[in-house]
N, C-alpha and C. Protein backbone atom coordinates (compact mmCIF):
# COMPACT_ATOMS: atom_id res chain seq x y z
N UNK A 1 0.82 -1.19 0.00
CA UNK A 1 0.00 0.00 0.00
C UNK A 1 0.86 1.25 0.00
N UNK A 2 1.96 1.20 0.73
CA UNK A 2 2.84 2.38 0.76
C UNK A 2 3.54 2.58 -0.58
N UNK A 3 3.76 1.50 -1.31
CA UNK A 3 4.38 1.63 -2.63
C UNK A 3 3.46 2.41 -3.56
N UNK A 4 2.17 2.14 -3.49
CA UNK A 4 1.20 2.86 -4.32
C UNK A 4 1.15 4.32 -3.89
N UNK A 5 1.15 4.57 -2.60
CA UNK A 5 1.09 5.94 -2.10
C UNK A 5 2.33 6.73 -2.50
N UNK A 6 3.47 6.10 -2.52
CA UNK A 6 4.71 6.79 -2.91
C UNK A 6 4.80 7.01 -4.41
N UNK A 7 4.13 6.17 -5.20
CA UNK A 7 4.24 6.30 -6.66
C UNK A 7 3.27 7.33 -7.23
N UNK A 8 2.25 7.71 -6.48
CA UNK A 8 1.26 8.67 -6.99
C UNK A 8 1.89 10.02 -7.34
N UNK A 9 2.74 10.62 -6.51
CA UNK A 9 3.33 11.90 -6.89
C UNK A 9 4.18 11.84 -8.16
N UNK A 10 4.78 10.69 -8.46
CA UNK A 10 5.59 10.59 -9.67
C UNK A 10 4.73 10.63 -10.92
N UNK A 11 3.47 10.25 -10.84
CA UNK A 11 2.59 10.32 -11.99
C UNK A 11 2.19 11.75 -12.33
N UNK A 12 2.27 12.63 -11.37
CA UNK A 12 1.90 14.01 -11.63
C UNK A 12 2.91 14.70 -12.53
N UNK A 13 4.14 14.25 -12.54
CA UNK A 13 5.16 14.83 -13.40
C UNK A 13 5.05 14.34 -14.83
N UNK A 14 4.51 13.19 -15.03
CA UNK A 14 4.39 12.61 -16.36
C UNK A 14 3.23 13.25 -17.10
N UNK A 15 3.47 13.55 -18.36
CA UNK A 15 2.40 14.11 -19.18
C UNK A 15 2.01 13.10 -20.24
N UNK A 16 0.73 13.02 -20.54
CA UNK A 16 0.23 12.09 -21.54
C UNK A 16 0.21 12.76 -22.90
N UNK A 17 0.66 12.05 -23.89
CA UNK A 17 0.55 12.55 -25.25
C UNK A 17 -0.86 12.27 -25.75
N UNK A 18 -1.31 12.97 -26.77
CA UNK A 18 -2.66 12.70 -27.29
C UNK A 18 -2.86 11.26 -27.74
N UNK A 19 -1.81 10.64 -28.27
CA UNK A 19 -1.95 9.24 -28.69
C UNK A 19 -2.14 8.31 -27.49
N UNK A 20 -1.43 8.58 -26.42
CA UNK A 20 -1.59 7.76 -25.22
C UNK A 20 -2.98 7.95 -24.62
N UNK A 21 -3.46 9.18 -24.62
CA UNK A 21 -4.79 9.45 -24.09
C UNK A 21 -5.86 8.79 -24.94
N UNK A 22 -5.70 8.86 -26.24
CA UNK A 22 -6.66 8.22 -27.16
C UNK A 22 -6.68 6.71 -26.95
N UNK A 23 -5.51 6.12 -26.76
CA UNK A 23 -5.43 4.68 -26.53
C UNK A 23 -6.10 4.30 -25.21
N UNK A 24 -5.88 5.10 -24.17
CA UNK A 24 -6.49 4.82 -22.87
C UNK A 24 -8.01 4.94 -22.95
N UNK A 25 -8.50 5.96 -23.67
CA UNK A 25 -9.95 6.12 -23.82
C UNK A 25 -10.57 4.99 -24.62
N UNK A 26 -9.87 4.53 -25.65
CA UNK A 26 -10.38 3.40 -26.43
C UNK A 26 -10.42 2.13 -25.58
N UNK A 27 -9.42 1.93 -24.75
CA UNK A 27 -9.41 0.77 -23.87
C UNK A 27 -10.56 0.83 -22.87
N UNK A 28 -10.80 2.01 -22.31
CA UNK A 28 -11.93 2.17 -21.39
C UNK A 28 -13.25 1.92 -22.10
N UNK A 29 -13.38 2.41 -23.31
CA UNK A 29 -14.60 2.17 -24.09
C UNK A 29 -14.81 0.69 -24.38
N UNK A 30 -13.74 -0.01 -24.71
CA UNK A 30 -13.84 -1.45 -24.98
C UNK A 30 -14.24 -2.21 -23.73
N UNK A 31 -13.72 -1.80 -22.59
CA UNK A 31 -14.07 -2.47 -21.32
C UNK A 31 -15.53 -2.23 -20.99
N UNK A 32 -16.01 -1.00 -21.18
CA UNK A 32 -17.43 -0.70 -20.92
C UNK A 32 -18.32 -1.48 -21.87
N UNK A 33 -17.94 -1.55 -23.14
CA UNK A 33 -18.72 -2.29 -24.13
C UNK A 33 -18.77 -3.78 -23.76
N UNK A 34 -17.65 -4.34 -23.36
CA UNK A 34 -17.61 -5.74 -22.95
C UNK A 34 -18.44 -5.98 -21.70
N UNK A 35 -18.42 -5.03 -20.77
CA UNK A 35 -19.23 -5.18 -19.56
C UNK A 35 -20.72 -5.14 -19.89
N UNK A 36 -21.11 -4.26 -20.82
CA UNK A 36 -22.51 -4.22 -21.23
C UNK A 36 -22.94 -5.49 -21.93
N UNK A 37 -22.08 -6.03 -22.78
CA UNK A 37 -22.39 -7.30 -23.43
C UNK A 37 -22.54 -8.41 -22.40
N UNK A 38 -21.65 -8.43 -21.44
CA UNK A 38 -21.72 -9.46 -20.40
C UNK A 38 -22.98 -9.29 -19.54
N UNK A 39 -23.34 -8.06 -19.24
CA UNK A 39 -24.50 -7.81 -18.38
C UNK A 39 -25.81 -8.16 -19.08
N UNK A 40 -25.86 -8.00 -20.40
CA UNK A 40 -27.10 -8.25 -21.12
C UNK A 40 -27.14 -9.63 -21.77
N UNK A 41 -26.17 -10.50 -21.48
CA UNK A 41 -26.17 -11.83 -22.07
C UNK A 41 -27.41 -12.60 -21.62
N UNK A 42 -28.15 -13.10 -22.58
CA UNK A 42 -29.35 -13.87 -22.29
C UNK A 42 -30.60 -13.04 -22.07
N UNK A 43 -30.46 -11.72 -22.06
CA UNK A 43 -31.61 -10.84 -21.86
C UNK A 43 -32.30 -10.61 -23.20
N UNK A 44 -33.62 -10.68 -23.21
CA UNK A 44 -34.38 -10.48 -24.44
C UNK A 44 -34.49 -8.98 -24.73
N UNK A 45 -33.72 -8.52 -25.71
CA UNK A 45 -33.72 -7.10 -26.08
C UNK A 45 -34.37 -6.90 -27.45
N UNK A 46 -35.34 -7.75 -27.78
CA UNK A 46 -36.01 -7.63 -29.07
C UNK A 46 -36.98 -6.44 -29.06
N UNK A 47 -37.56 -6.16 -30.20
CA UNK A 47 -38.46 -5.04 -30.37
C UNK A 47 -39.67 -5.14 -29.44
N UNK A 48 -40.19 -6.34 -29.23
CA UNK A 48 -41.35 -6.53 -28.38
C UNK A 48 -41.08 -6.27 -26.91
N UNK A 49 -39.82 -6.30 -26.52
CA UNK A 49 -39.45 -6.05 -25.13
C UNK A 49 -39.72 -4.59 -24.74
N UNK A 50 -39.54 -3.70 -25.69
CA UNK A 50 -39.74 -2.28 -25.41
C UNK A 50 -41.15 -1.89 -25.74
């Protein structure tokens, strides 16, 4: 736990390039999409459901 606490200030000095930020956002989007697919597996989402 102390290792994580000590490493947090070092991240403040690092700057993200636009490509790194874009990659991180795409990864987050893919994780959210996968979570939604997993959450709705087997759920009837046909037209009659709504």
